[in-house]
Amino acid sequence: MPREFLRASVGRCLVVWLLVPVPLSFAVAGDPPASPVPTVLDPLETPKPEAPEAPLGRELEESDAVLRRRGRGEVESLGITGLTWATIDPIRLVIRLRATAEGTRLRRLPADSWPDLTHSLTLEGAVAAARPVPYVDLTVARRAAAGTILVLSDASGHVAFRVTGSAATATERGTLVELVGRVRR
């Protein structure tokens, strides 16, 4: 037996231990037959581990958000952008929310979905299951909108907004409407 390798049979398999670098050719059996791939195996070389796969998705970041509008003025926002509204029923204090930017989609998710929306893949799945809507009507007096979950989606990704409180207050300069909540992006 040549000194370059040792061999042993185990059942129906041939096991070869290389003792020095040896040029070899490998072919994978199959249909059509594969051509041999020449290579040199070095028994002293440690195989390099494959690079770990990049993790799929990421944990969402959470922050506070406030949307506020006095009368017919502009919507002031903190922590979230891209939403505006019009009052459609000043007696019952119902507002119609819509996305402000072209190409931004608005979706309403079930109120019980918030605890699950902690990872980007979960949010993407929830967005895929919900249809885009042109607007969402909310009653805002006495925290009536609390629990509502909205998602704004555009080319840069998705932003989920959970309303935790809403209020409407009459002032000298018009009705002050406020939505407060949490944002995950």
Protein backbone atom coordinates (compact mmCIF):
# COMPACT_ATOMS: atom_id res chain seq x y z
CA MET A 1 0.00 0.00 0.00
CA PRO A 2 1.45 3.43 -0.91
CA ARG A 3 2.41 5.69 1.96
CA GLU A 4 0.13 8.55 0.83
CA PHE A 5 -3.00 7.03 2.32
CA LEU A 6 -4.46 4.31 4.45
CA ARG A 7 -7.72 2.65 3.58
CA ALA A 8 -10.29 0.54 5.33
CA SER A 9 -13.64 -0.92 4.42
CA VAL A 10 -16.60 -0.32 6.65
CA GLY A 11 -19.61 -2.23 5.41
CA ARG A 12 -20.16 -1.10 1.83
CA CYS A 13 -18.17 2.15 2.26
CA LEU A 14 -14.54 2.74 1.53
CA VAL A 15 -12.84 5.04 4.04
CA VAL A 16 -9.57 6.70 3.08
CA TRP A 17 -7.23 8.59 5.41
CA LEU A 18 -4.91 10.94 3.62
CA LEU A 19 -1.46 11.29 5.13
CA VAL A 20 0.01 13.78 2.62
CA PRO A 21 -1.54 16.23 0.11
CA VAL A 22 -2.83 14.20 -2.82
CA PRO A 23 -4.39 15.49 -6.07
CA LEU A 24 -7.80 13.89 -6.49
CA SER A 25 -10.76 14.20 -8.83
CA PHE A 26 -14.34 13.92 -7.63
CA ALA A 27 -17.44 13.22 -9.67
CA VAL A 28 -20.99 13.13 -8.35
CA ALA A 29 -22.96 10.20 -9.67
CA GLY A 30 -26.19 11.13 -11.29
CA ASP A 31 -28.02 11.62 -14.51
CA PRO A 32 -26.39 13.03 -16.65
CA PRO A 33 -22.95 11.97 -15.44
CA ALA A 34 -21.00 14.87 -13.93
CA SER A 35 -17.48 15.62 -15.10
CA PRO A 36 -14.75 15.14 -12.48
CA VAL A 37 -13.74 18.20 -10.44
CA PRO A 38 -9.98 18.16 -9.76
CA THR A 39 -8.87 19.24 -6.31
CA VAL A 40 -6.01 18.79 -3.86
CA LEU A 41 -6.79 17.64 -0.34
CA ASP A 42 -4.34 18.46 2.43
CA PRO A 43 -4.78 16.26 5.52
CA LEU A 44 -3.10 18.86 7.74
CA GLU A 45 -5.33 21.73 6.63
CA THR A 46 -8.25 22.43 8.90
CA PRO A 47 -11.46 23.11 6.98
CA LYS A 48 -12.59 26.72 7.28
CA PRO A 49 -16.00 27.07 8.88
CA GLU A 50 -18.66 28.57 6.69
CA ALA A 51 -19.67 32.11 7.49
CA PRO A 52 -22.69 32.11 9.76
CA GLU A 53 -25.94 32.97 8.02
CA ALA A 54 -27.21 36.46 8.60
CA PRO A 55 -30.12 36.36 11.01
CA LEU A 56 -33.49 36.74 9.41
CA GLY A 57 -35.30 39.91 10.37
CA ARG A 58 -34.69 41.91 13.53
CA GLU A 59 -36.34 42.98 16.75
CA LEU A 60 -38.49 46.09 16.35
CA GLU A 61 -37.61 49.30 18.13
CA GLU A 62 -40.40 50.86 20.21
CA SER A 63 -41.01 54.51 21.11
CA ASP A 64 -43.74 56.95 22.16
CA ALA A 65 -45.81 58.84 19.60
CA VAL A 66 -48.24 61.77 19.74
CA LEU A 67 -50.44 63.20 17.01
CA ARG A 68 -52.21 66.48 17.74
CA ARG A 69 -54.38 68.85 15.73
CA ARG A 70 -56.15 72.03 16.77
CA GLY A 71 -59.17 73.00 14.66
CA ARG A 72 -58.33 72.88 10.96
CA GLY A 73 -54.60 73.37 11.52
CA GLU A 74 -51.81 71.04 10.53
CA VAL A 75 -51.30 67.74 12.35
CA GLU A 76 -48.37 68.05 14.75
CA SER A 77 -46.54 64.82 15.35
CA LEU A 78 -43.88 63.43 17.63
CA GLY A 79 -42.45 59.95 17.07
CA ILE A 80 -44.47 59.23 13.93
CA THR A 81 -45.05 60.97 10.64
CA GLY A 82 -47.16 60.30 7.60
CA LEU A 83 -50.68 60.60 9.03
CA THR A 84 -53.25 63.35 8.79
CA TRP A 85 -56.99 63.52 9.33
CA ALA A 86 -60.16 65.41 8.76
CA THR A 87 -63.05 65.61 11.22
CA ILE A 88 -66.04 63.92 9.61
CA ASP A 89 -68.46 64.14 12.54
CA PRO A 90 -67.88 67.11 14.88
CA ILE A 91 -70.73 66.05 17.19
CA ARG A 92 -69.58 62.48 17.87
CA LEU A 93 -65.93 63.52 17.31
CA VAL A 94 -65.07 61.08 14.52
CA ILE A 95 -61.91 61.68 12.51
CA ARG A 96 -60.85 60.10 9.20
CA LEU A 97 -57.14 59.21 9.24
CA ARG A 98 -55.24 58.81 5.98
CA ALA A 99 -51.63 58.55 4.86
CA THR A 100 -50.11 61.84 3.72
CA ALA A 101 -47.44 60.65 1.27
CA GLU A 102 -47.99 59.20 -2.18
CA GLY A 103 -46.96 55.53 -2.21
CA THR A 104 -47.60 55.06 1.52
CA ARG A 105 -50.17 52.40 2.39
CA LEU A 106 -52.36 52.46 5.49
CA ARG A 107 -53.59 49.25 7.12
CA ARG A 108 -55.61 48.53 10.22
CA LEU A 109 -54.65 45.44 12.21
CA PRO A 110 -56.69 43.57 14.83
CA ALA A 111 -56.35 45.09 18.31
CA ASP A 112 -55.08 41.81 19.79
CA SER A 113 -52.11 41.62 17.37
CA TRP A 114 -49.92 44.17 19.22
CA PRO A 115 -48.19 41.74 21.64
CA ASP A 116 -47.01 39.67 18.65
CA LEU A 117 -45.58 42.61 16.71
CA THR A 118 -42.10 42.58 18.23
CA HIS A 119 -40.10 41.27 15.27
CA SER A 120 -39.79 42.56 11.70
CA LEU A 121 -40.85 39.21 10.22
CA THR A 122 -44.00 39.13 12.35
CA LEU A 123 -44.85 42.67 11.29
CA GLU A 124 -44.28 41.79 7.63
CA GLY A 125 -46.59 38.78 8.00
CA ALA A 126 -49.31 40.89 9.62
CA VAL A 127 -48.99 43.49 6.86
CA ALA A 128 -49.22 40.80 4.18
CA ALA A 129 -52.44 39.49 5.78
CA ALA A 130 -54.10 42.94 5.99
CA ARG A 131 -55.47 44.84 3.02
CA PRO A 132 -54.47 48.46 2.46
CA VAL A 133 -57.29 50.92 3.12
CA PRO A 134 -57.67 54.49 1.88
CA TYR A 135 -58.62 55.72 5.37
CA VAL A 136 -59.56 54.67 8.91
CA ASP A 137 -62.40 56.35 10.86
CA LEU A 138 -61.85 56.72 14.62
CA THR A 139 -64.03 58.10 17.38
CA VAL A 140 -61.61 60.06 19.55
CA ALA A 141 -63.63 61.32 22.56
CA ARG A 142 -62.89 59.76 25.98
CA ARG A 143 -60.18 57.30 24.84
CA ALA A 144 -62.54 55.63 22.37
CA ALA A 145 -59.72 55.03 19.85
CA ALA A 146 -57.48 53.23 22.38
CA GLY A 147 -56.38 49.83 21.17
CA THR A 148 -56.48 50.71 17.48
CA ILE A 149 -53.43 49.46 15.56
CA LEU A 150 -52.44 51.14 12.31
CA VAL A 151 -49.53 50.34 10.01
CA LEU A 152 -47.95 52.75 7.55
CA SER A 153 -45.96 51.03 4.80
CA ASP A 154 -43.72 52.54 2.15
CA ALA A 155 -40.56 51.64 0.27
CA SER A 156 -38.47 52.06 3.44
CA GLY A 157 -40.52 49.56 5.48
CA HIS A 158 -43.38 49.38 7.95
CA VAL A 159 -44.27 51.43 11.04
CA ALA A 160 -46.89 50.10 13.46
CA PHE A 161 -48.77 52.61 15.63
CA ARG A 162 -50.92 51.49 18.58
CA VAL A 163 -53.24 54.16 19.92
CA THR A 164 -53.20 54.01 23.74
CA GLY A 165 -55.28 57.11 24.29
CA SER A 166 -57.37 59.67 22.44
CA ALA A 167 -59.08 62.87 23.47
CA ALA A 168 -60.93 65.83 22.05
CA THR A 169 -61.09 69.11 23.96
CA ALA A 170 -62.93 72.29 22.99
CA THR A 171 -60.69 75.39 23.05
CA GLU A 172 -61.02 79.02 21.92
CA ARG A 173 -59.01 78.27 18.78
CA GLY A 174 -60.91 75.09 17.82
CA THR A 175 -61.23 71.53 18.99
CA LEU A 176 -57.95 69.98 20.07
CA VAL A 177 -57.78 66.33 18.98
CA GLU A 178 -54.96 64.19 20.33
CA LEU A 179 -53.88 60.61 19.70
CA VAL A 180 -51.13 59.14 21.89
CA GLY A 181 -49.58 55.73 21.60
CA ARG A 182 -46.59 53.54 20.89
CA VAL A 183 -44.71 53.04 17.64
CA ARG A 184 -42.72 50.00 16.55
CA ARG A 185 -40.43 50.15 13.57
